[in-house]
Amino acid sequence: MKNKVVEDYVDEDGCLHCGICRKRKQMKVSLMGFEHVVSCLCECEVKARQELDEKMQWEEAQRQLYQRKSVGLRERRFWEWKFENDNGSNQKILIARQYVENWTDMKRKNVGLLLMGPVGTGKSFFAGCIANALLEQGERVMMTNFSRILNEMTSYQADKNQIIQNLVDYPLLIIDDLGIERNSEFALEQVYNVIDSRYCKMLPLIITTNLGLNEMKSTDLDTAHQRIYSRILEMCVPIYCGGEDKRKEETAYVVGQTAGCELGNINAHYYIEYTIESLVC
């Protein structure tokens, strides 16, 4: 059965009315002694315009989000790393949610995260969830790795200082897979420059790495690595994303400039839960 078409109609004053909502589409007004018939919006037209405005606003928001992701998420696979795609394999994902929920405080207090653990433990997914959630909130986030950054720096006519400045401009920088980049003197110098530039600007940093906390705190490291890792541990709260045995093996010792308190020899699992809660007080 076809829907019945309801036609507009004219009232006794000669003004047009909507056949659906029954409200006026025309009205009479007096101007300089003359009567004029002018158009006006009925409820249906008002609703249609509101829906069109909302659609256009949504489309514009999606366009801007796409632009932020195109610039900030350097690999397409990062786009799918969202909380709604979590399969429950990473038990620490609640910490990522808390970080996003408390982002205003995390940014203000310059709190970063150091996500540690073997390959396949969900570190990058953890970081990607934070990146996508903040991007969807309108924040500017860059998620990349040092191998890509160093390749850009060594390309023809690259301006190293400008590349570093661009990375510093982001409210949140996420470095994936620290430790896989080459260990040349030039590379280590640029890695330190990027990290130190954000430290000086008091901007948060999230890093994922296969390195262990004991490795990063080892006194056997050369000076270049020591100053990189020392700076990272000043800026970032360690979170171990592996299994139970590893959590027992490694402890988090951080003098908490980021947390505003001193915590020593505390299991990383409990340390981050305490820190997230304490930072929002």
C-alpha atoms as a PDB file:
ATOM      1  CA  MET A   1       0.000   0.000   0.000  1.00  0.00           C
ATOM      2  CA  LYS A   2       1.438   3.333  -1.052  1.00  0.00           C
ATOM      3  CA  ASN A   3       1.867   6.072   1.511  1.00  0.00           C
ATOM      4  CA  LYS A   4      -0.779   8.719   1.186  1.00  0.00           C
ATOM      5  CA  VAL A   5       0.627  12.073   0.094  1.00  0.00           C
ATOM      6  CA  VAL A   6      -0.587  14.865   2.375  1.00  0.00           C
ATOM      7  CA  GLU A   7      -0.753  18.095   0.442  1.00  0.00           C
ATOM      8  CA  ASP A   8      -0.322  21.583   1.820  1.00  0.00           C
ATOM      9  CA  TYR A   9      -3.445  23.681   2.018  1.00  0.00           C
ATOM     10  CA  VAL A  10      -4.510  27.333   2.118  1.00  0.00           C
ATOM     11  CA  ASP A  11      -6.489  28.700   5.064  1.00  0.00           C
ATOM     12  CA  GLU A  12      -9.271  31.262   4.985  1.00  0.00           C
ATOM     13  CA  ASP A  13      -6.710  34.094   5.153  1.00  0.00           C
ATOM     14  CA  GLY A  14      -5.038  32.856   2.019  1.00  0.00           C
ATOM     15  CA  CYS A  15      -1.904  31.616   3.836  1.00  0.00           C
ATOM     16  CA  LEU A  16      -0.270  28.290   3.078  1.00  0.00           C
ATOM     17  CA  HIS A  17      -0.165  25.595   5.790  1.00  0.00           C
ATOM     18  CA  CYS A  18       1.847  22.359   5.977  1.00  0.00           C
ATOM     19  CA  GLY A  19      -0.276  19.319   5.285  1.00  0.00           C
ATOM     20  CA  ILE A  20       1.709  17.242   7.807  1.00  0.00           C
ATOM     21  CA  CYS A  21       2.296  19.377  10.902  1.00  0.00           C
ATOM     22  CA  ARG A  22      -0.596  21.770  10.070  1.00  0.00           C
ATOM     23  CA  LYS A  23       1.584  24.778  10.894  1.00  0.00           C
ATOM     24  CA  ARG A  24       1.846  27.899   8.762  1.00  0.00           C
ATOM     25  CA  LYS A  25       4.236  28.186   5.855  1.00  0.00           C
ATOM     26  CA  GLN A  26       3.035  31.699   5.167  1.00  0.00           C
ATOM     27  CA  MET A  27       1.771  34.565   7.268  1.00  0.00           C
ATOM     28  CA  LYS A  28       0.455  38.071   6.694  1.00  0.00           C
ATOM     29  CA  VAL A  29       2.297  41.123   7.981  1.00  0.00           C
ATOM     30  CA  SER A  30       1.518  44.814   7.722  1.00  0.00           C
ATOM     31  CA  LEU A  31       4.295  47.069   6.504  1.00  0.00           C
ATOM     32  CA  MET A  32       3.938  50.790   5.805  1.00  0.00           C
ATOM     33  CA  GLY A  33       0.197  50.467   5.561  1.00  0.00           C
ATOM     34  CA  PHE A  34       0.284  47.517   3.195  1.00  0.00           C
ATOM     35  CA  GLU A  35      -0.399  43.872   3.928  1.00  0.00           C
ATOM     36  CA  HIS A  36       2.154  41.358   2.679  1.00  0.00           C
ATOM     37  CA  VAL A  37       2.237  37.582   2.618  1.00  0.00           C
ATOM     38  CA  VAL A  38       5.658  36.320   3.732  1.00  0.00           C
ATOM     39  CA  SER A  39       7.097  32.830   4.029  1.00  0.00           C
ATOM     40  CA  CYS A  40       7.864  31.185   7.359  1.00  0.00           C
ATOM     41  CA  LEU A  41       9.046  27.746   8.443  1.00  0.00           C
ATOM     42  CA  CYS A  42       6.642  25.106   9.619  1.00  0.00           C
ATOM     43  CA  GLU A  43       7.715  22.523  12.206  1.00  0.00           C
ATOM     44  CA  CYS A  44       8.593  20.000   9.497  1.00  0.00           C
ATOM     45  CA  GLU A  45      10.900  22.454   7.756  1.00  0.00           C
ATOM     46  CA  VAL A  46      12.541  23.498  11.049  1.00  0.00           C
ATOM     47  CA  LYS A  47      13.191  19.834  11.871  1.00  0.00           C
ATOM     48  CA  ALA A  48      14.532  19.144   8.375  1.00  0.00           C
ATOM     49  CA  ARG A  49      16.941  22.076   8.621  1.00  0.00           C
ATOM     50  CA  GLN A  50      18.113  20.993  12.068  1.00  0.00           C
ATOM     51  CA  GLU A  51      18.737  17.466  10.796  1.00  0.00           C
ATOM     52  CA  LEU A  52      20.635  18.849   7.801  1.00  0.00           C
ATOM     53  CA  ASP A  53      22.747  21.093  10.064  1.00  0.00           C
ATOM     54  CA  GLU A  54      23.511  18.150  12.361  1.00  0.00           C
ATOM     55  CA  LYS A  55      24.453  15.989   9.383  1.00  0.00           C
ATOM     56  CA  MET A  56      26.772  18.676   8.013  1.00  0.00           C
ATOM     57  CA  GLN A  57      28.365  19.177  11.445  1.00  0.00           C
ATOM     58  CA  TRP A  58      28.885  15.412  11.784  1.00  0.00           C
ATOM     59  CA  GLU A  59      30.404  15.183   8.309  1.00  0.00           C
ATOM     60  CA  GLU A  60      32.729  18.104   9.074  1.00  0.00           C
ATOM     61  CA  ALA A  61      33.754  16.496  12.374  1.00  0.00           C
ATOM     62  CA  GLN A  62      34.484  13.231  10.543  1.00  0.00           C
ATOM     63  CA  ARG A  63      36.496  15.100   7.918  1.00  0.00           C
ATOM     64  CA  GLN A  64      38.587  16.781  10.610  1.00  0.00           C
ATOM     65  CA  LEU A  65      39.033  13.467  12.459  1.00  0.00           C
ATOM     66  CA  TYR A  66      40.185  11.808   9.233  1.00  0.00           C
ATOM     67  CA  GLN A  67      42.664  14.643   8.716  1.00  0.00           C
ATOM     68  CA  ARG A  68      44.015  14.351  12.280  1.00  0.00           C
ATOM     69  CA  LYS A  69      44.397  10.582  11.904  1.00  0.00           C
ATOM     70  CA  SER A  70      46.003  10.864   8.470  1.00  0.00           C
ATOM     71  CA  VAL A  71      48.666  13.136   9.933  1.00  0.00           C
ATOM     72  CA  GLY A  72      49.013  11.658  13.425  1.00  0.00           C
ATOM     73  CA  LEU A  73      48.725   7.901  12.860  1.00  0.00           C
ATOM     74  CA  ARG A  74      51.564   7.129  10.506  1.00  0.00           C
ATOM     75  CA  GLU A  75      50.550   3.514   9.895  1.00  0.00           C
ATOM     76  CA  ARG A  76      47.046   2.530   8.773  1.00  0.00           C
ATOM     77  CA  ARG A  77      46.897  -0.393  11.210  1.00  0.00           C
ATOM     78  CA  PHE A  78      46.971   2.125  14.056  1.00  0.00           C
ATOM     79  CA  TRP A  79      43.507   3.310  12.999  1.00  0.00           C
ATOM     80  CA  GLU A  80      41.880   0.062  14.131  1.00  0.00           C
ATOM     81  CA  TRP A  81      43.457   0.049  17.591  1.00  0.00           C
ATOM     82  CA  LYS A  82      40.430   1.241  19.540  1.00  0.00           C
ATOM     83  CA  PHE A  83      38.878   0.331  22.869  1.00  0.00           C
ATOM     84  CA  GLU A  84      35.839  -1.164  21.119  1.00  0.00           C
ATOM     85  CA  ASN A  85      38.147  -3.590  19.281  1.00  0.00           C
ATOM     86  CA  ASP A  86      39.774  -4.872  22.486  1.00  0.00           C
ATOM     87  CA  ASN A  87      39.571  -8.666  22.786  1.00  0.00           C
ATOM     88  CA  GLY A  88      40.422  -8.693  26.481  1.00  0.00           C
ATOM     89  CA  SER A  89      43.933 -10.099  26.037  1.00  0.00           C
ATOM     90  CA  ASN A  90      45.619  -7.076  27.623  1.00  0.00           C
ATOM     91  CA  GLN A  91      44.582  -6.911  31.260  1.00  0.00           C
ATOM     92  CA  LYS A  92      46.079  -3.436  31.633  1.00  0.00           C
ATOM     93  CA  ILE A  93      43.721  -1.823  29.105  1.00  0.00           C
ATOM     94  CA  LEU A  94      41.765  -0.291  31.998  1.00  0.00           C
ATOM     95  CA  ILE A  95      44.809   1.886  32.669  1.00  0.00           C
ATOM     96  CA  ALA A  96      44.604   3.188  29.100  1.00  0.00           C
ATOM     97  CA  ARG A  97      40.950   4.076  29.651  1.00  0.00           C
ATOM     98  CA  GLN A  98      41.826   5.861  32.894  1.00  0.00           C
ATOM     99  CA  TYR A  99      44.588   7.784  31.138  1.00  0.00           C
ATOM    100  CA  VAL A 100      42.127   9.030  28.507  1.00  0.00           C
ATOM    101  CA  GLU A 101      39.443   9.847  31.076  1.00  0.00           C
ATOM    102  CA  ASN A 102      41.963  11.888  33.056  1.00  0.00           C
ATOM    103  CA  TRP A 103      43.751  13.330  30.028  1.00  0.00           C
ATOM    104  CA  THR A 104      43.376  16.954  31.148  1.00  0.00           C
ATOM    105  CA  ASP A 105      45.274  16.165  34.356  1.00  0.00           C
ATOM    106  CA  MET A 106      47.761  13.886  32.610  1.00  0.00           C
ATOM    107  CA  LYS A 107      48.621  16.674  30.175  1.00  0.00           C
ATOM    108  CA  ARG A 108      48.742  19.371  32.835  1.00  0.00           C
ATOM    109  CA  LYS A 109      51.042  17.309  35.050  1.00  0.00           C
ATOM    110  CA  ASN A 110      53.112  15.973  32.140  1.00  0.00           C
ATOM    111  CA  VAL A 111      52.473  12.291  32.914  1.00  0.00           C
ATOM    112  CA  GLY A 112      53.764   9.850  30.314  1.00  0.00           C
ATOM    113  CA  LEU A 113      53.666   6.059  30.129  1.00  0.00           C
ATOM    114  CA  LEU A 114      56.389   3.502  29.428  1.00  0.00           C
ATOM    115  CA  LEU A 115      54.696   0.335  28.122  1.00  0.00           C
ATOM    116  CA  MET A 116      57.047  -2.622  28.510  1.00  0.00           C
ATOM    117  CA  GLY A 117      56.901  -6.308  27.658  1.00  0.00           C
ATOM    118  CA  PRO A 118      57.762  -8.947  25.034  1.00  0.00           C
ATOM    119  CA  VAL A 119      56.439  -8.977  21.486  1.00  0.00           C
ATOM    120  CA  GLY A 120      52.718  -9.707  21.252  1.00  0.00           C
ATOM    121  CA  THR A 121      51.654  -8.511  24.695  1.00  0.00           C
ATOM    122  CA  GLY A 122      49.459  -5.674  23.411  1.00  0.00           C
ATOM    123  CA  LYS A 123      51.708  -2.687  24.134  1.00  0.00           C
ATOM    124  CA  SER A 124      51.164  -1.025  20.774  1.00  0.00           C
ATOM    125  CA  PHE A 125      47.427  -1.725  20.863  1.00  0.00           C
ATOM    126  CA  PHE A 126      47.316  -0.161  24.348  1.00  0.00           C
ATOM    127  CA  ALA A 127      49.015   2.995  23.029  1.00  0.00           C
ATOM    128  CA  GLY A 128      46.876   3.025  19.886  1.00  0.00           C
ATOM    129  CA  CYS A 129      43.678   2.957  21.944  1.00  0.00           C
ATOM    130  CA  ILE A 130      44.820   6.063  23.787  1.00  0.00           C
ATOM    131  CA  ALA A 131      45.787   7.766  20.521  1.00  0.00           C
ATOM    132  CA  ASN A 132      42.474   7.058  18.778  1.00  0.00           C
ATOM    133  CA  ALA A 133      40.357   7.993  21.787  1.00  0.00           C
ATOM    134  CA  LEU A 134      42.096  11.361  22.161  1.00  0.00           C
ATOM    135  CA  LEU A 135      41.990  12.027  18.427  1.00  0.00           C
ATOM    136  CA  GLU A 136      38.245  11.403  18.483  1.00  0.00           C
ATOM    137  CA  GLN A 137      37.985  13.961  21.284  1.00  0.00           C
ATOM    138  CA  GLY A 138      39.629  16.538  19.031  1.00  0.00           C
ATOM    139  CA  GLU A 139      43.144  16.322  20.493  1.00  0.00           C
ATOM    140  CA  ARG A 140      46.212  16.299  18.275  1.00  0.00           C
ATOM    141  CA  VAL A 141      48.287  13.126  18.736  1.00  0.00           C
ATOM    142  CA  MET A 142      51.285  11.760  16.854  1.00  0.00           C
ATOM    143  CA  MET A 143      52.023   8.015  16.935  1.00  0.00           C
ATOM    144  CA  THR A 144      55.176   6.961  15.111  1.00  0.00           C
ATOM    145  CA  ASN A 145      58.547   5.281  15.729  1.00  0.00           C
ATOM    146  CA  PHE A 146      62.144   6.429  15.751  1.00  0.00           C
ATOM    147  CA  SER A 147      63.044   4.426  12.651  1.00  0.00           C
ATOM    148  CA  ARG A 148      60.583   6.497  10.636  1.00  0.00           C
ATOM    149  CA  ILE A 149      61.701   9.745  12.289  1.00  0.00           C
ATOM    150  CA  LEU A 150      65.368   9.005  11.570  1.00  0.00           C
ATOM    151  CA  ASN A 151      64.579   8.123   7.952  1.00  0.00           C
ATOM    152  CA  GLU A 152      62.893  11.510   7.578  1.00  0.00           C
ATOM    153  CA  MET A 153      65.909  13.244   9.126  1.00  0.00           C
ATOM    154  CA  THR A 154      68.342  11.589   6.741  1.00  0.00           C
ATOM    155  CA  SER A 155      66.263  12.274   3.633  1.00  0.00           C
ATOM    156  CA  TYR A 156      67.419  14.835   1.073  1.00  0.00           C
ATOM    157  CA  GLN A 157      67.392  18.426   2.373  1.00  0.00           C
ATOM    158  CA  ALA A 158      65.695  17.414   5.612  1.00  0.00           C
ATOM    159  CA  ASP A 159      65.568  20.063   8.341  1.00  0.00           C
ATOM    160  CA  LYS A 160      66.274  18.078  11.527  1.00  0.00           C
ATOM    161  CA  ASN A 161      65.379  20.962  13.824  1.00  0.00           C
ATOM    162  CA  GLN A 162      62.037  21.486  12.102  1.00  0.00           C
ATOM    163  CA  ILE A 163      61.222  17.776  12.314  1.00  0.00           C
ATOM    164  CA  ILE A 164      61.916  17.827  16.053  1.00  0.00           C
ATOM    165  CA  GLN A 165      59.877  21.012  16.473  1.00  0.00           C
ATOM    166  CA  ASN A 166      56.938  19.408  14.660  1.00  0.00           C
ATOM    167  CA  LEU A 167      57.054  16.488  17.096  1.00  0.00           C
ATOM    168  CA  VAL A 168      57.233  18.829  20.069  1.00  0.00           C
ATOM    169  CA  ASP A 169      54.142  20.695  18.868  1.00  0.00           C
ATOM    170  CA  TYR A 170      51.860  17.707  19.515  1.00  0.00           C
ATOM    171  CA  PRO A 171      50.136  17.650  22.920  1.00  0.00           C
ATOM    172  CA  LEU A 172      50.862  13.903  23.018  1.00  0.00           C
ATOM    173  CA  LEU A 173      53.657  12.036  21.246  1.00  0.00           C
ATOM    174  CA  ILE A 174      53.621   8.218  21.151  1.00  0.00           C
ATOM    175  CA  ILE A 175      56.811   6.404  20.156  1.00  0.00           C
ATOM    176  CA  ASP A 176      56.241   2.769  19.212  1.00  0.00           C
ATOM    177  CA  ASP A 177      58.932   0.076  19.542  1.00  0.00           C
ATOM    178  CA  LEU A 178      61.769   2.008  21.175  1.00  0.00           C
ATOM    179  CA  GLY A 179      64.971   0.052  20.754  1.00  0.00           C
ATOM    180  CA  ILE A 180      64.525  -1.243  17.202  1.00  0.00           C
ATOM    181  CA  GLU A 181      66.118   1.842  15.630  1.00  0.00           C
ATOM    182  CA  ARG A 182      69.771   1.815  14.587  1.00  0.00           C
ATOM    183  CA  ASN A 183      72.352   2.601  17.283  1.00  0.00           C
ATOM    184  CA  SER A 184      74.621   4.969  15.394  1.00  0.00           C
ATOM    185  CA  GLU A 185      75.940   8.064  17.137  1.00  0.00           C
ATOM    186  CA  PHE A 186      73.720  10.240  14.935  1.00  0.00           C
ATOM    187  CA  ALA A 187      70.617   8.147  15.661  1.00  0.00           C
ATOM    188  CA  LEU A 188      71.113   8.133  19.424  1.00  0.00           C
ATOM    189  CA  GLU A 189      71.704  11.887  19.426  1.00  0.00           C
ATOM    190  CA  GLN A 190      68.438  12.535  17.561  1.00  0.00           C
ATOM    191  CA  VAL A 191      66.476  10.124  19.767  1.00  0.00           C
ATOM    192  CA  TYR A 192      67.683  12.035  22.805  1.00  0.00           C
ATOM    193  CA  ASN A 193      66.926  15.395  21.186  1.00  0.00           C
ATOM    194  CA  VAL A 194      63.310  14.439  20.518  1.00  0.00           C
ATOM    195  CA  ILE A 195      62.768  13.127  24.052  1.00  0.00           C
ATOM    196  CA  ASP A 196      64.613  15.988  25.728  1.00  0.00           C
ATOM    197  CA  SER A 197      62.739  18.613  23.696  1.00  0.00           C
ATOM    198  CA  ARG A 198      59.420  17.320  25.026  1.00  0.00           C
ATOM    199  CA  TYR A 199      60.880  17.122  28.520  1.00  0.00           C
ATOM    200  CA  CYS A 200      61.895  20.787  28.353  1.00  0.00           C
ATOM    201  CA  LYS A 201      58.436  21.764  27.087  1.00  0.00           C
ATOM    202  CA  MET A 202      56.784  19.635  29.812  1.00  0.00           C
ATOM    203  CA  LEU A 203      54.735  17.651  27.321  1.00  0.00           C
ATOM    204  CA  PRO A 204      53.747  14.009  27.923  1.00  0.00           C
ATOM    205  CA  LEU A 205      55.292  11.094  26.073  1.00  0.00           C
ATOM    206  CA  ILE A 206      54.120   7.483  25.704  1.00  0.00           C
ATOM    207  CA  ILE A 207      56.668   4.859  24.681  1.00  0.00           C
ATOM    208  CA  THR A 208      56.315   1.149  23.907  1.00  0.00           C
ATOM    209  CA  THR A 209      59.380  -1.083  24.082  1.00  0.00           C
ATOM    210  CA  ASN A 210      60.535  -4.697  24.298  1.00  0.00           C
ATOM    211  CA  LEU A 211      63.293  -3.581  26.659  1.00  0.00           C
ATOM    212  CA  GLY A 212      63.035  -4.526  30.318  1.00  0.00           C
ATOM    213  CA  LEU A 213      63.199  -2.061  33.163  1.00  0.00           C
ATOM    214  CA  ASN A 214      66.391  -3.664  34.475  1.00  0.00           C
ATOM    215  CA  GLU A 215      67.984  -3.247  31.041  1.00  0.00           C
ATOM    216  CA  MET A 216      67.098   0.424  30.939  1.00  0.00           C
ATOM    217  CA  LYS A 217      68.491   1.022  34.441  1.00  0.00           C
ATOM    218  CA  SER A 218      71.672  -0.975  33.886  1.00  0.00           C
ATOM    219  CA  THR A 219      74.912   0.808  34.772  1.00  0.00           C
ATOM    220  CA  ASP A 220      76.664  -1.163  32.009  1.00  0.00           C
ATOM    221  CA  LEU A 221      75.032   0.950  29.305  1.00  0.00           C
ATOM    222  CA  ASP A 222      77.051   3.521  27.396  1.00  0.00           C
ATOM    223  CA  THR A 223      76.495   7.187  28.160  1.00  0.00           C
ATOM    224  CA  ALA A 224      74.278   7.795  25.118  1.00  0.00           C
ATOM    225  CA  HIS A 225      71.808   5.082  26.111  1.00  0.00           C
ATOM    226  CA  GLN A 226      71.946   5.972  29.804  1.00  0.00           C
ATOM    227  CA  ARG A 227      70.883   9.564  29.257  1.00  0.00           C
ATOM    228  CA  ILE A 228      68.060   8.526  26.897  1.00  0.00           C
ATOM    229  CA  TYR A 229      66.647   5.954  29.306  1.00  0.00           C
ATOM    230  CA  SER A 230      67.163   8.186  32.332  1.00  0.00           C
ATOM    231  CA  ARG A 231      65.154  10.949  30.689  1.00  0.00           C
ATOM    232  CA  ILE A 232      62.386   8.518  29.727  1.00  0.00           C
ATOM    233  CA  LEU A 233      62.104   7.190  33.281  1.00  0.00           C
ATOM    234  CA  GLU A 234      61.799  10.754  34.549  1.00  0.00           C
ATOM    235  CA  MET A 235      58.901  11.396  32.195  1.00  0.00           C
ATOM    236  CA  CYS A 236      57.057   8.084  32.021  1.00  0.00           C
ATOM    237  CA  VAL A 237      55.389   5.713  34.472  1.00  0.00           C
ATOM    238  CA  PRO A 238      56.467   2.108  33.729  1.00  0.00           C
ATOM    239  CA  ILE A 239      53.723  -0.417  33.006  1.00  0.00           C
ATOM    240  CA  TYR A 240      54.537  -4.056  32.365  1.00  0.00           C
ATOM    241  CA  CYS A 241      52.164  -5.557  29.799  1.00  0.00           C
ATOM    242  CA  GLY A 242      53.343  -9.167  30.074  1.00  0.00           C
ATOM    243  CA  GLY A 243      52.466 -12.079  32.313  1.00  0.00           C
ATOM    244  CA  GLU A 244      52.368 -12.643  36.042  1.00  0.00           C
ATOM    245  CA  ASP A 245      55.875 -14.108  36.344  1.00  0.00           C
ATOM    246  CA  LYS A 246      57.494 -11.097  34.749  1.00  0.00           C
ATOM    247  CA  ARG A 247      55.647  -8.705  37.027  1.00  0.00           C
ATOM    248  CA  LYS A 248      57.154 -10.513  40.008  1.00  0.00           C
ATOM    249  CA  GLU A 249      60.597 -10.417  38.476  1.00  0.00           C
ATOM    250  CA  GLU A 250      60.785  -6.729  37.674  1.00  0.00           C
ATOM    251  CA  THR A 251      59.803  -3.888  39.937  1.00  0.00           C
ATOM    252  CA  ALA A 252      59.258  -0.248  39.163  1.00  0.00           C
ATOM    253  CA  TYR A 253      61.570   2.175  40.889  1.00  0.00           C
ATOM    254  CA  VAL A 254      60.710   5.695  39.930  1.00  0.00           C
ATOM    255  CA  VAL A 255      61.312   8.915  41.806  1.00  0.00           C
ATOM    256  CA  GLY A 256      57.954  10.325  40.927  1.00  0.00           C
ATOM    257  CA  GLN A 257      58.402  13.827  39.622  1.00  0.00           C
ATOM    258  CA  THR A 258      55.470  13.015  37.387  1.00  0.00           C
ATOM    259  CA  ALA A 259      53.394  11.755  40.292  1.00  0.00           C
ATOM    260  CA  GLY A 260      54.480  14.403  42.749  1.00  0.00           C
ATOM    261  CA  CYS A 261      55.596  11.716  45.212  1.00  0.00           C
ATOM    262  CA  GLU A 262      58.391   9.203  45.782  1.00  0.00           C
ATOM    263  CA  LEU A 263      57.626   5.540  45.239  1.00  0.00           C
ATOM    264  CA  GLY A 264      60.342   2.940  45.436  1.00  0.00           C
ATOM    265  CA  ASN A 265      60.509  -0.792  44.729  1.00  0.00           C
ATOM    266  CA  ILE A 266      56.794  -1.073  44.064  1.00  0.00           C
ATOM    267  CA  ASN A 267      55.375  -3.619  41.668  1.00  0.00           C
ATOM    268  CA  ALA A 268      54.635  -1.864  38.356  1.00  0.00           C
ATOM    269  CA  HIS A 269      51.078  -3.200  38.278  1.00  0.00           C
ATOM    270  CA  TYR A 270      50.199  -1.578  41.573  1.00  0.00           C
ATOM    271  CA  TYR A 271      52.340   1.499  40.952  1.00  0.00           C
ATOM    272  CA  ILE A 272      50.380   2.675  37.949  1.00  0.00           C
ATOM    273  CA  GLU A 273      47.014   2.048  39.614  1.00  0.00           C
ATOM    274  CA  TYR A 274      48.122   4.140  42.563  1.00  0.00           C
ATOM    275  CA  THR A 275      49.572   6.850  40.376  1.00  0.00           C
ATOM    276  CA  ILE A 276      46.535   7.292  38.120  1.00  0.00           C
ATOM    277  CA  GLU A 277      44.318   7.595  41.170  1.00  0.00           C
ATOM    278  CA  SER A 278      46.654   9.970  43.005  1.00  0.00           C
ATOM    279  CA  LEU A 279      47.172  12.272  40.030  1.00  0.00           C
ATOM    280  CA  VAL A 280      43.505  13.131  39.683  1.00  0.00           C
ATOM    281  CA  CYS A 281      43.078  14.072  43.341  1.00  0.00           C
END
